[in-house]
């Protein structure tokens, strides 16, 4: 049996770094954001989850999953 530990709130500093990085690129993978800002992928994923709930970031599903600032990338219909 596997138990997933509940994650606490995202680090506000990591959330700010994610937003700053996404402001410089059109779209990115969470792994690339983590490398760019010097954070773990799990911390970036947690920050992105909160930023998505805050309607600041959105997931893009274009052959693979990307993240971007809300409304920055127009997706094909």
PDB file of N, CA and C in Angstrom:
ATOM      1  N   UNK A   1       0.844  -1.172   0.000  1.00  0.00           N
ATOM      2  CA  UNK A   1       0.000   0.000   0.000  1.00  0.00           C
ATOM      3  C   UNK A   1       0.895   1.243   0.000  1.00  0.00           C
ATOM      4  N   UNK A   2       0.558   2.214  -0.849  1.00  0.00           N
ATOM      5  CA  UNK A   2       1.340   3.439  -0.958  1.00  0.00           C
ATOM      6  C   UNK A   2       0.499   4.601  -0.454  1.00  0.00           C
ATOM      7  N   UNK A   3       1.078   5.361   0.446  1.00  0.00           N
ATOM      8  CA  UNK A   3       0.401   6.551   0.958  1.00  0.00           C
ATOM      9  C   UNK A   3       1.107   7.776   0.421  1.00  0.00           C
ATOM     10  N   UNK A   4       0.338   8.686  -0.147  1.00  0.00           N
ATOM     11  CA  UNK A   4       0.895   9.940  -0.636  1.00  0.00           C
ATOM     12  C   UNK A   4       0.856  10.944   0.497  1.00  0.00           C
ATOM     13  N   UNK A   5       1.985  11.554   0.764  1.00  0.00           N
ATOM     14  CA  UNK A   5       2.011  12.573   1.807  1.00  0.00           C
ATOM     15  C   UNK A   5       1.398  13.853   1.251  1.00  0.00           C
ATOM     16  N   UNK A   6       0.581  14.463   2.033  1.00  0.00           N
ATOM     17  CA  UNK A   6      -0.026  15.726   1.613  1.00  0.00           C
ATOM     18  C   UNK A   6       1.044  16.809   1.594  1.00  0.00           C
ATOM     19  N   UNK A   7       1.049  17.581   0.543  1.00  0.00           N
ATOM     20  CA  UNK A   7       2.011  18.687   0.434  1.00  0.00           C
ATOM     21  C   UNK A   7       1.400  19.911   1.089  1.00  0.00           C
ATOM     22  N   UNK A   8       2.252  20.662   1.732  1.00  0.00           N
ATOM     23  CA  UNK A   8       1.797  21.911   2.322  1.00  0.00           C
ATOM     24  C   UNK A   8       1.677  22.976   1.258  1.00  0.00           C
ATOM     25  N   UNK A   9       1.407  24.197   1.665  1.00  0.00           N
ATOM     26  CA  UNK A   9       1.313  25.294   0.704  1.00  0.00           C
ATOM     27  C   UNK A   9       2.636  25.495  -0.027  1.00  0.00           C
ATOM     28  N   UNK A  10       2.544  25.957  -1.249  1.00  0.00           N
ATOM     29  CA  UNK A  10       3.746  26.207  -2.054  1.00  0.00           C
ATOM     30  C   UNK A  10       4.530  27.377  -1.463  1.00  0.00           C
ATOM     31  N   UNK A  11       5.836  27.332  -1.633  1.00  0.00           N
ATOM     32  CA  UNK A  11       6.722  28.398  -1.194  1.00  0.00           C
ATOM     33  C   UNK A  11       6.437  29.641  -2.045  1.00  0.00           C
ATOM     34  N   UNK A  12       6.077  30.772  -1.421  1.00  0.00           N
ATOM     35  CA  UNK A  12       5.777  31.983  -2.188  1.00  0.00           C
ATOM     36  C   UNK A  12       6.943  32.431  -3.073  1.00  0.00           C
ATOM     37  N   UNK A  13       8.164  32.191  -2.634  1.00  0.00           N
ATOM     38  CA  UNK A  13       9.338  32.571  -3.428  1.00  0.00           C
ATOM     39  C   UNK A  13       9.405  31.747  -4.710  1.00  0.00           C
ATOM     40  N   UNK A  14       9.104  30.462  -4.621  1.00  0.00           N
ATOM     41  CA  UNK A  14       9.107  29.612  -5.818  1.00  0.00           C
ATOM     42  C   UNK A  14       7.973  30.022  -6.750  1.00  0.00           C
ATOM     43  N   UNK A  15       6.809  30.338  -6.203  1.00  0.00           N
ATOM     44  CA  UNK A  15       5.699  30.798  -7.041  1.00  0.00           C
ATOM     45  C   UNK A  15       6.102  32.060  -7.802  1.00  0.00           C
ATOM     46  N   UNK A  16       6.760  32.981  -7.126  1.00  0.00           N
ATOM     47  CA  UNK A  16       7.193  34.224  -7.773  1.00  0.00           C
ATOM     48  C   UNK A  16       8.213  33.943  -8.871  1.00  0.00           C
ATOM     49  N   UNK A  17       9.140  33.015  -8.606  1.00  0.00           N
ATOM     50  CA  UNK A  17      10.155  32.666  -9.608  1.00  0.00           C
ATOM     51  C   UNK A  17       9.524  31.985 -10.814  1.00  0.00           C
ATOM     52  N   UNK A  18       8.528  31.141 -10.583  1.00  0.00           N
ATOM     53  CA  UNK A  18       7.825  30.479 -11.690  1.00  0.00           C
ATOM     54  C   UNK A  18       7.150  31.527 -12.566  1.00  0.00           C
ATOM     55  N   UNK A  19       6.446  32.466 -11.952  1.00  0.00           N
ATOM     56  CA  UNK A  19       5.773  33.520 -12.720  1.00  0.00           C
ATOM     57  C   UNK A  19       6.776  34.371 -13.488  1.00  0.00           C
ATOM     58  N   UNK A  20       7.896  34.703 -12.852  1.00  0.00           N
ATOM     59  CA  UNK A  20       8.919  35.509 -13.512  1.00  0.00           C
ATOM     60  C   UNK A  20       9.490  34.763 -14.720  1.00  0.00           C
ATOM     61  N   UNK A  21       9.799  33.483 -14.540  1.00  0.00           N
ATOM     62  CA  UNK A  21      10.351  32.688 -15.637  1.00  0.00           C
ATOM     63  C   UNK A  21       9.343  32.558 -16.775  1.00  0.00           C
ATOM     64  N   UNK A  22       8.087  32.258 -16.443  1.00  0.00           N
ATOM     65  CA  UNK A  22       7.071  32.102 -17.486  1.00  0.00           C
ATOM     66  C   UNK A  22       6.809  33.412 -18.218  1.00  0.00           C
ATOM     67  N   UNK A  23       7.108  34.532 -17.583  1.00  0.00           N
ATOM     68  CA  UNK A  23       6.986  35.815 -18.248  1.00  0.00           C
ATOM     69  C   UNK A  23       8.030  36.022 -19.330  1.00  0.00           C
ATOM     70  N   UNK A  24       9.114  35.255 -19.279  1.00  0.00           N
ATOM     71  CA  UNK A  24      10.228  35.392 -20.231  1.00  0.00           C
ATOM     72  C   UNK A  24      10.139  34.416 -21.402  1.00  0.00           C
ATOM     73  N   UNK A  25       9.298  33.393 -21.270  1.00  0.00           N
ATOM     74  CA  UNK A  25       9.191  32.369 -22.316  1.00  0.00           C
ATOM     75  C   UNK A  25       7.735  32.258 -22.759  1.00  0.00           C
ATOM     76  N   UNK A  26       7.521  31.627 -23.918  1.00  0.00           N
ATOM     77  CA  UNK A  26       6.136  31.453 -24.371  1.00  0.00           C
ATOM     78  C   UNK A  26       5.462  30.328 -23.596  1.00  0.00           C
ATOM     79  N   UNK A  27       6.170  29.211 -23.466  1.00  0.00           N
ATOM     80  CA  UNK A  27       5.654  28.065 -22.711  1.00  0.00           C
ATOM     81  C   UNK A  27       6.842  27.248 -22.248  1.00  0.00           C
ATOM     82  N   UNK A  28       6.642  26.405 -21.259  1.00  0.00           N
ATOM     83  CA  UNK A  28       7.743  25.598 -20.731  1.00  0.00           C
ATOM     84  C   UNK A  28       7.193  24.352 -20.067  1.00  0.00           C
ATOM     85  N   UNK A  29       8.060  23.374 -19.929  1.00  0.00           N
ATOM     86  CA  UNK A  29       7.729  22.173 -19.168  1.00  0.00           C
ATOM     87  C   UNK A  29       8.120  22.429 -17.714  1.00  0.00           C
ATOM     88  N   UNK A  30       7.405  21.829 -16.796  1.00  0.00           N
ATOM     89  CA  UNK A  30       7.706  22.012 -15.366  1.00  0.00           C
ATOM     90  C   UNK A  30       9.156  21.668 -15.053  1.00  0.00           C
ATOM     91  N   UNK A  31       9.659  20.626 -15.653  1.00  0.00           N
ATOM     92  CA  UNK A  31      11.048  20.194 -15.417  1.00  0.00           C
ATOM     93  C   UNK A  31      12.019  21.295 -15.836  1.00  0.00           C
ATOM     94  N   UNK A  32      11.762  21.937 -16.979  1.00  0.00           N
ATOM     95  CA  UNK A  32      12.634  23.011 -17.456  1.00  0.00           C
ATOM     96  C   UNK A  32      12.562  24.237 -16.544  1.00  0.00           C
ATOM     97  N   UNK A  33      11.371  24.530 -16.039  1.00  0.00           N
ATOM     98  CA  UNK A  33      11.219  25.646 -15.103  1.00  0.00           C
ATOM     99  C   UNK A  33      12.031  25.359 -13.843  1.00  0.00           C
ATOM    100  N   UNK A  34      11.930  24.133 -13.342  1.00  0.00           N
ATOM    101  CA  UNK A  34      12.654  23.760 -12.126  1.00  0.00           C
ATOM    102  C   UNK A  34      14.159  23.961 -12.299  1.00  0.00           C
ATOM    103  N   UNK A  35      14.698  23.513 -13.426  1.00  0.00           N
ATOM    104  CA  UNK A  35      16.127  23.671 -13.694  1.00  0.00           C
ATOM    105  C   UNK A  35      16.489  25.153 -13.782  1.00  0.00           C
ATOM    106  N   UNK A  36      15.657  25.916 -14.484  1.00  0.00           N
ATOM    107  CA  UNK A  36      15.943  27.337 -14.714  1.00  0.00           C
ATOM    108  C   UNK A  36      15.940  28.153 -13.420  1.00  0.00           C
ATOM    109  N   UNK A  37      15.054  27.798 -12.482  1.00  0.00           N
ATOM    110  CA  UNK A  37      14.966  28.593 -11.256  1.00  0.00           C
ATOM    111  C   UNK A  37      15.687  27.951 -10.075  1.00  0.00           C
ATOM    112  N   UNK A  38      16.281  26.783 -10.312  1.00  0.00           N
ATOM    113  CA  UNK A  38      17.042  26.116  -9.255  1.00  0.00           C
ATOM    114  C   UNK A  38      16.180  25.540  -8.143  1.00  0.00           C
ATOM    115  N   UNK A  39      15.046  24.973  -8.513  1.00  0.00           N
ATOM    116  CA  UNK A  39      14.138  24.366  -7.535  1.00  0.00           C
ATOM    117  C   UNK A  39      13.867  22.923  -7.936  1.00  0.00           C
ATOM    118  N   UNK A  40      13.307  22.147  -7.019  1.00  0.00           N
ATOM    119  CA  UNK A  40      12.963  20.768  -7.353  1.00  0.00           C
ATOM    120  C   UNK A  40      11.692  20.769  -8.203  1.00  0.00           C
ATOM    121  N   UNK A  41      11.551  19.744  -9.038  1.00  0.00           N
ATOM    122  CA  UNK A  41      10.364  19.648  -9.888  1.00  0.00           C
ATOM    123  C   UNK A  41       9.103  19.531  -9.031  1.00  0.00           C
ATOM    124  N   UNK A  42       9.184  18.808  -7.922  1.00  0.00           N
ATOM    125  CA  UNK A  42       7.992  18.659  -7.078  1.00  0.00           C
ATOM    126  C   UNK A  42       7.575  19.999  -6.467  1.00  0.00           C
ATOM    127  N   UNK A  43       8.550  20.848  -6.109  1.00  0.00           N
ATOM    128  CA  UNK A  43       8.210  22.173  -5.584  1.00  0.00           C
ATOM    129  C   UNK A  43       7.592  23.048  -6.684  1.00  0.00           C
ATOM    130  N   UNK A  44       8.120  22.937  -7.905  1.00  0.00           N
ATOM    131  CA  UNK A  44       7.555  23.689  -9.030  1.00  0.00           C
ATOM    132  C   UNK A  44       6.151  23.184  -9.324  1.00  0.00           C
ATOM    133  N   UNK A  45       5.950  21.872  -9.336  1.00  0.00           N
ATOM    134  CA  UNK A  45       4.616  21.308  -9.590  1.00  0.00           C
ATOM    135  C   UNK A  45       3.612  21.812  -8.556  1.00  0.00           C
ATOM    136  N   UNK A  46       4.035  21.869  -7.298  1.00  0.00           N
ATOM    137  CA  UNK A  46       3.154  22.349  -6.231  1.00  0.00           C
ATOM    138  C   UNK A  46       2.818  23.828  -6.439  1.00  0.00           C
ATOM    139  N   UNK A  47       3.819  24.630  -6.820  1.00  0.00           N
ATOM    140  CA  UNK A  47       3.601  26.054  -7.083  1.00  0.00           C
ATOM    141  C   UNK A  47       2.664  26.234  -8.270  1.00  0.00           C
ATOM    142  N   UNK A  48       2.883  25.465  -9.338  1.00  0.00           N
ATOM    143  CA  UNK A  48       2.050  25.571 -10.539  1.00  0.00           C
ATOM    144  C   UNK A  48       0.605  25.185 -10.221  1.00  0.00           C
ATOM    145  N   UNK A  49       0.436  24.177  -9.403  1.00  0.00           N
ATOM    146  CA  UNK A  49      -0.916  23.757  -9.007  1.00  0.00           C
ATOM    147  C   UNK A  49      -1.649  24.927  -8.343  1.00  0.00           C
ATOM    148  N   UNK A  50      -0.974  25.620  -7.436  1.00  0.00           N
ATOM    149  CA  UNK A  50      -1.595  26.767  -6.768  1.00  0.00           C
ATOM    150  C   UNK A  50      -1.812  27.933  -7.732  1.00  0.00           C
ATOM    151  N   UNK A  51      -0.821  28.186  -8.582  1.00  0.00           N
ATOM    152  CA  UNK A  51      -0.936  29.294  -9.539  1.00  0.00           C
ATOM    153  C   UNK A  51      -2.062  29.042 -10.537  1.00  0.00           C
ATOM    154  N   UNK A  52      -2.306  27.780 -10.866  1.00  0.00           N
ATOM    155  CA  UNK A  52      -3.417  27.423 -11.741  1.00  0.00           C
ATOM    156  C   UNK A  52      -4.745  27.688 -11.023  1.00  0.00           C
ATOM    157  N   UNK A  53      -4.814  27.311  -9.759  1.00  0.00           N
ATOM    158  CA  UNK A  53      -6.026  27.558  -8.972  1.00  0.00           C
ATOM    159  C   UNK A  53      -6.280  29.054  -8.820  1.00  0.00           C
ATOM    160  N   UNK A  54      -5.197  29.850  -8.814  1.00  0.00           N
ATOM    161  CA  UNK A  54      -5.312  31.310  -8.709  1.00  0.00           C
ATOM    162  C   UNK A  54      -5.570  31.955 -10.080  1.00  0.00           C
ATOM    163  N   UNK A  55      -5.690  31.124 -11.124  1.00  0.00           N
ATOM    164  CA  UNK A  55      -5.981  31.573 -12.490  1.00  0.00           C
ATOM    165  C   UNK A  55      -4.865  32.438 -13.085  1.00  0.00           C
ATOM    166  N   UNK A  56      -3.616  32.148 -12.697  1.00  0.00           N
ATOM    167  CA  UNK A  56      -2.463  32.879 -13.216  1.00  0.00           C
ATOM    168  C   UNK A  56      -1.674  32.068 -14.230  1.00  0.00           C
ATOM    169  N   UNK A  57      -1.778  30.762 -14.145  1.00  0.00           N
ATOM    170  CA  UNK A  57      -1.032  29.842 -15.003  1.00  0.00           C
ATOM    171  C   UNK A  57      -2.022  28.832 -15.541  1.00  0.00           C
ATOM    172  N   UNK A  58      -1.745  28.323 -16.742  1.00  0.00           N
ATOM    173  CA  UNK A  58      -2.610  27.287 -17.299  1.00  0.00           C
ATOM    174  C   UNK A  58      -1.761  26.177 -17.900  1.00  0.00           C
ATOM    175  N   UNK A  59      -2.347  25.009 -17.958  1.00  0.00           N
ATOM    176  CA  UNK A  59      -1.693  23.871 -18.595  1.00  0.00           C
ATOM    177  C   UNK A  59      -2.045  23.877 -20.067  1.00  0.00           C
ATOM    178  N   UNK A  60      -1.079  23.552 -20.906  1.00  0.00           N
ATOM    179  CA  UNK A  60      -1.298  23.404 -22.347  1.00  0.00           C
ATOM    180  C   UNK A  60      -1.034  21.951 -22.699  1.00  0.00           C
ATOM    181  N   UNK A  61      -1.920  21.345 -23.434  1.00  0.00           N
ATOM    182  CA  UNK A  61      -1.740  19.964 -23.858  1.00  0.00           C
ATOM    183  C   UNK A  61      -1.547  19.953 -25.363  1.00  0.00           C
ATOM    184  N   UNK A  62      -0.280  20.057 -25.787  1.00  0.00           N
ATOM    185  CA  UNK A  62       0.073  20.087 -27.206  1.00  0.00           C
ATOM    186  C   UNK A  62       1.100  18.970 -27.419  1.00  0.00           C
ATOM    187  N   UNK A  63       0.659  17.810 -27.701  1.00  0.00           N
ATOM    188  CA  UNK A  63       1.467  16.584 -27.827  1.00  0.00           C
ATOM    189  C   UNK A  63       2.142  16.198 -26.511  1.00  0.00           C
ATOM    190  N   UNK A  64       2.404  17.147 -25.663  1.00  0.00           N
ATOM    191  CA  UNK A  64       2.927  16.912 -24.321  1.00  0.00           C
ATOM    192  C   UNK A  64       2.396  18.050 -23.459  1.00  0.00           C
ATOM    193  N   UNK A  65       2.650  18.032 -22.185  1.00  0.00           N
ATOM    194  CA  UNK A  65       2.097  19.056 -21.297  1.00  0.00           C
ATOM    195  C   UNK A  65       3.088  20.180 -21.067  1.00  0.00           C
ATOM    196  N   UNK A  66       2.641  21.398 -21.322  1.00  0.00           N
ATOM    197  CA  UNK A  66       3.416  22.606 -21.056  1.00  0.00           C
ATOM    198  C   UNK A  66       2.640  23.456 -20.057  1.00  0.00           C
ATOM    199  N   UNK A  67       3.313  24.456 -19.498  1.00  0.00           N
ATOM    200  CA  UNK A  67       2.639  25.452 -18.685  1.00  0.00           C
ATOM    201  C   UNK A  67       2.988  26.818 -19.250  1.00  0.00           C
ATOM    202  N   UNK A  68       2.105  27.785 -19.047  1.00  0.00           N
ATOM    203  CA  UNK A  68       2.353  29.148 -19.523  1.00  0.00           C
ATOM    204  C   UNK A  68       1.538  30.106 -18.668  1.00  0.00           C
ATOM    205  N   UNK A  69       1.846  31.387 -18.780  1.00  0.00           N
ATOM    206  CA  UNK A  69       1.021  32.384 -18.119  1.00  0.00           C
ATOM    207  C   UNK A  69      -0.363  32.339 -18.755  1.00  0.00           C
ATOM    208  N   UNK A  70      -1.367  32.507 -17.945  1.00  0.00           N
ATOM    209  CA  UNK A  70      -2.751  32.449 -18.411  1.00  0.00           C
ATOM    210  C   UNK A  70      -2.964  33.407 -19.575  1.00  0.00           C
ATOM    211  N   UNK A  71      -3.463  32.880 -20.684  1.00  0.00           N
ATOM    212  CA  UNK A  71      -3.779  33.691 -21.852  1.00  0.00           C
ATOM    213  C   UNK A  71      -2.607  34.057 -22.745  1.00  0.00           C
ATOM    214  N   UNK A  72      -1.399  33.638 -22.396  1.00  0.00           N
ATOM    215  CA  UNK A  72      -0.216  34.020 -23.186  1.00  0.00           C
ATOM    216  C   UNK A  72      -0.137  33.258 -24.502  1.00  0.00           C
ATOM    217  N   UNK A  73      -0.592  32.022 -24.519  1.00  0.00           N
ATOM    218  CA  UNK A  73      -0.515  31.191 -25.716  1.00  0.00           C
ATOM    219  C   UNK A  73      -1.913  30.882 -26.206  1.00  0.00           C
ATOM    220  N   UNK A  74      -2.152  31.137 -27.484  1.00  0.00           N
ATOM    221  CA  UNK A  74      -3.438  30.807 -28.087  1.00  0.00           C
ATOM    222  C   UNK A  74      -3.395  29.351 -28.533  1.00  0.00           C
ATOM    223  N   UNK A  75      -4.309  28.550 -28.060  1.00  0.00           N
ATOM    224  CA  UNK A  75      -4.341  27.142 -28.434  1.00  0.00           C
ATOM    225  C   UNK A  75      -5.228  26.957 -29.644  1.00  0.00           C
ATOM    226  N   UNK A  76      -4.883  25.994 -30.501  1.00  0.00           N
ATOM    227  CA  UNK A  76      -5.722  25.734 -31.674  1.00  0.00           C
ATOM    228  C   UNK A  76      -7.075  25.184 -31.239  1.00  0.00           C
ATOM    229  N   UNK A  77      -8.112  25.554 -31.961  1.00  0.00           N
ATOM    230  CA  UNK A  77      -9.463  25.093 -31.625  1.00  0.00           C
ATOM    231  C   UNK A  77      -9.717  23.698 -32.117  1.00  0.00           C
TER     232      UNK A  77
END
